[in-house]
Amino acid sequence: MARVSTYLNFLRNTEEAFNFYRSFFGGDFGGGGIARFKDIPGKEGMPDIPEEDKNLVMHIELPITGGHILMGTDAPESMGFKVDHGNNVHINIEPDTRAETKKLFDALSAGGIITMELQDMFWGAYFGSCTDKFGVQWMFNCVEKSE
């Protein structure tokens, strides 16, 4: 089922932030718990993850009020991230199909900046990101379900 969530980027303190949020929203971390950068499978031609970044949070999610999902990641500079207030929030769209994902991605990236082309990712999703012409950051994460 399609859903929309808010995605937050942090400077090496995602786990602390999400434990804080969980302290008053309650609940458990979804999506299999906390995924760490050390969990990324190695790939030829890709640089190794620095030792000091391996235990950082790659992905975490927490259901909050009204069925909304809050997601987050640590954004280490060693992986090309530069977090500033204002660029640390994305609207994460999870369409039901690749076709819908492509349609929305093309529309929202028109006149804006594509930060990652849509592509198949190791976690099983068709993923991409862009900043629209108004400066709003979008992420697309489609895990097409077989019927």
Protein backbone atom coordinates (compact mmCIF):
# COMPACT_ATOMS: atom_id res chain seq x y z
CA MET A 1 0.00 0.00 0.00
CA ALA A 2 1.35 3.41 -0.92
CA ARG A 3 2.40 5.71 1.90
CA VAL A 4 4.09 9.03 2.54
CA SER A 5 6.60 9.66 5.30
CA THR A 6 9.00 12.34 6.47
CA TYR A 7 12.73 11.56 6.16
CA LEU A 8 15.24 13.32 8.43
CA ASN A 9 19.03 13.53 8.03
CA PHE A 10 21.16 13.94 11.16
CA LEU A 11 24.78 14.67 11.99
CA ARG A 12 25.74 11.37 13.64
CA ASN A 13 22.97 11.40 16.28
CA THR A 14 20.00 9.74 14.56
CA GLU A 15 19.73 6.95 17.12
CA GLU A 16 19.66 9.48 19.99
CA ALA A 17 17.00 11.55 18.19
CA PHE A 18 14.79 8.54 17.45
CA ASN A 19 15.06 7.22 21.01
CA PHE A 20 13.94 10.70 22.11
CA TYR A 21 10.97 10.63 19.69
CA ARG A 22 10.06 7.09 20.76
CA SER A 23 10.06 8.19 24.42
CA PHE A 24 6.84 10.14 23.87
CA PHE A 25 5.31 8.66 20.67
CA GLY A 26 5.87 5.11 21.96
CA GLY A 27 5.93 2.07 19.72
CA ASP A 28 8.74 0.10 18.17
CA PHE A 29 11.08 0.88 15.33
CA GLY A 30 9.65 -0.54 12.11
CA GLY A 31 11.27 -1.97 9.01
CA GLY A 32 13.26 -4.59 10.91
CA GLY A 33 14.76 -2.20 13.47
CA ILE A 34 17.87 -0.08 13.08
CA ALA A 35 19.91 -0.67 9.91
CA ARG A 36 23.52 0.45 10.12
CA PHE A 37 26.03 1.44 7.44
CA LYS A 38 28.06 -1.69 8.24
CA ASP A 39 25.05 -3.66 6.90
CA ILE A 40 25.56 -2.35 3.34
CA PRO A 41 26.83 -5.21 1.19
CA GLY A 42 30.24 -4.61 -0.36
CA LYS A 43 30.29 -3.86 -4.06
CA GLU A 44 33.26 -3.85 -6.41
CA GLY A 45 34.37 -0.32 -7.24
CA MET A 46 32.71 1.20 -4.18
CA PRO A 47 34.94 2.65 -1.44
CA ASP A 48 35.00 0.97 1.96
CA ILE A 49 32.95 2.58 4.72
CA PRO A 50 35.28 4.27 7.23
CA GLU A 51 35.48 2.42 10.54
CA GLU A 52 34.12 5.42 12.48
CA ASP A 53 30.97 5.43 10.27
CA LYS A 54 30.12 1.72 10.27
CA ASN A 55 27.89 1.81 13.36
CA LEU A 56 26.02 4.95 12.27
CA VAL A 57 22.33 4.61 11.41
CA MET A 58 21.71 3.98 7.71
CA HIS A 59 17.91 3.75 8.17
CA ILE A 60 15.39 3.85 10.99
CA GLU A 61 11.64 4.34 11.05
CA LEU A 62 9.09 5.04 13.76
CA PRO A 63 5.31 5.14 13.39
CA ILE A 64 4.00 8.34 14.97
CA THR A 65 0.60 10.05 15.23
CA GLY A 66 -2.08 9.30 12.64
CA GLY A 67 -0.19 6.49 10.94
CA HIS A 68 2.56 8.84 9.76
CA ILE A 69 6.02 7.29 9.55
CA LEU A 70 9.06 9.25 10.66
CA MET A 71 12.27 7.98 9.04
CA GLY A 72 15.88 8.99 9.45
CA THR A 73 19.56 8.42 8.76
CA ASP A 74 22.95 9.62 9.86
CA ALA A 75 24.48 11.54 6.97
CA PRO A 76 28.27 11.11 7.20
CA GLU A 77 30.44 13.50 5.23
CA SER A 78 32.63 10.51 4.26
CA MET A 79 29.75 9.43 2.01
CA GLY A 80 29.33 12.85 0.41
CA PHE A 81 26.63 14.26 2.68
CA LYS A 82 26.65 17.81 3.95
CA VAL A 83 23.82 18.37 6.42
CA ASP A 84 22.68 21.92 7.04
CA HIS A 85 19.49 23.07 8.69
CA GLY A 86 17.05 23.25 5.81
CA ASN A 87 18.44 20.35 3.79
CA ASN A 88 17.89 17.72 6.44
CA VAL A 89 14.22 16.98 5.65
CA HIS A 90 12.79 15.04 2.69
CA ILE A 91 9.25 14.06 1.81
CA ASN A 92 9.46 10.32 1.14
CA ILE A 93 6.96 8.99 -1.42
CA GLU A 94 6.36 5.23 -1.61
CA PRO A 95 4.18 4.59 -4.67
CA ASP A 96 2.70 1.17 -5.41
CA THR A 97 4.27 0.76 -8.87
CA ARG A 98 7.47 1.61 -10.72
CA ALA A 99 5.40 3.37 -13.40
CA GLU A 100 3.78 5.67 -10.83
CA THR A 101 7.18 6.25 -9.22
CA LYS A 102 8.70 7.28 -12.57
CA LYS A 103 5.74 9.55 -13.40
CA LEU A 104 5.94 11.39 -10.05
CA PHE A 105 9.75 11.55 -10.13
CA ASP A 106 9.77 13.04 -13.65
CA ALA A 107 7.11 15.61 -12.72
CA LEU A 108 8.72 16.72 -9.46
CA SER A 109 12.27 16.84 -10.83
CA ALA A 110 11.29 18.93 -13.90
CA GLY A 111 13.02 22.28 -13.51
CA GLY A 112 14.74 21.09 -10.35
CA ILE A 113 17.82 19.02 -9.51
CA ILE A 114 18.04 15.23 -9.68
CA THR A 115 20.20 14.18 -6.73
CA MET A 116 19.97 10.44 -7.48
CA GLU A 117 18.53 8.95 -10.66
CA LEU A 118 15.85 6.29 -10.17
CA GLN A 119 17.58 2.92 -9.91
CA ASP A 120 17.29 -0.52 -8.34
CA MET A 121 18.84 -0.58 -4.87
CA PHE A 122 20.26 -3.38 -2.72
CA TRP A 123 17.32 -3.21 -0.27
CA GLY A 124 14.96 -4.24 -3.08
CA ALA A 125 13.50 -0.84 -3.96
CA TYR A 126 13.38 1.34 -7.05
CA PHE A 127 14.82 4.51 -5.50
CA GLY A 128 15.72 8.06 -6.51
CA SER A 129 15.73 11.59 -5.12
CA CYS A 130 15.41 15.15 -6.34
CA THR A 131 14.96 18.73 -5.25
CA ASP A 132 12.04 20.37 -7.01
CA LYS A 133 12.15 23.84 -8.57
CA PHE A 134 10.86 25.31 -5.28
CA GLY A 135 13.67 23.77 -3.19
CA VAL A 136 11.59 20.95 -1.64
CA GLN A 137 13.49 17.66 -1.33
CA TRP A 138 11.78 14.44 -2.40
CA MET A 139 12.72 10.77 -2.07
CA PHE A 140 11.02 7.95 -4.00
CA ASN A 141 11.13 4.40 -2.69
CA CYS A 142 9.03 1.84 -4.59
CA VAL A 143 8.94 -1.79 -3.56
CA GLU A 144 6.54 -3.15 -6.13
CA LYS A 145 4.44 -5.96 -4.69
CA SER A 146 3.77 -9.02 -6.79
CA GLU A 147 0.13 -10.03 -6.88
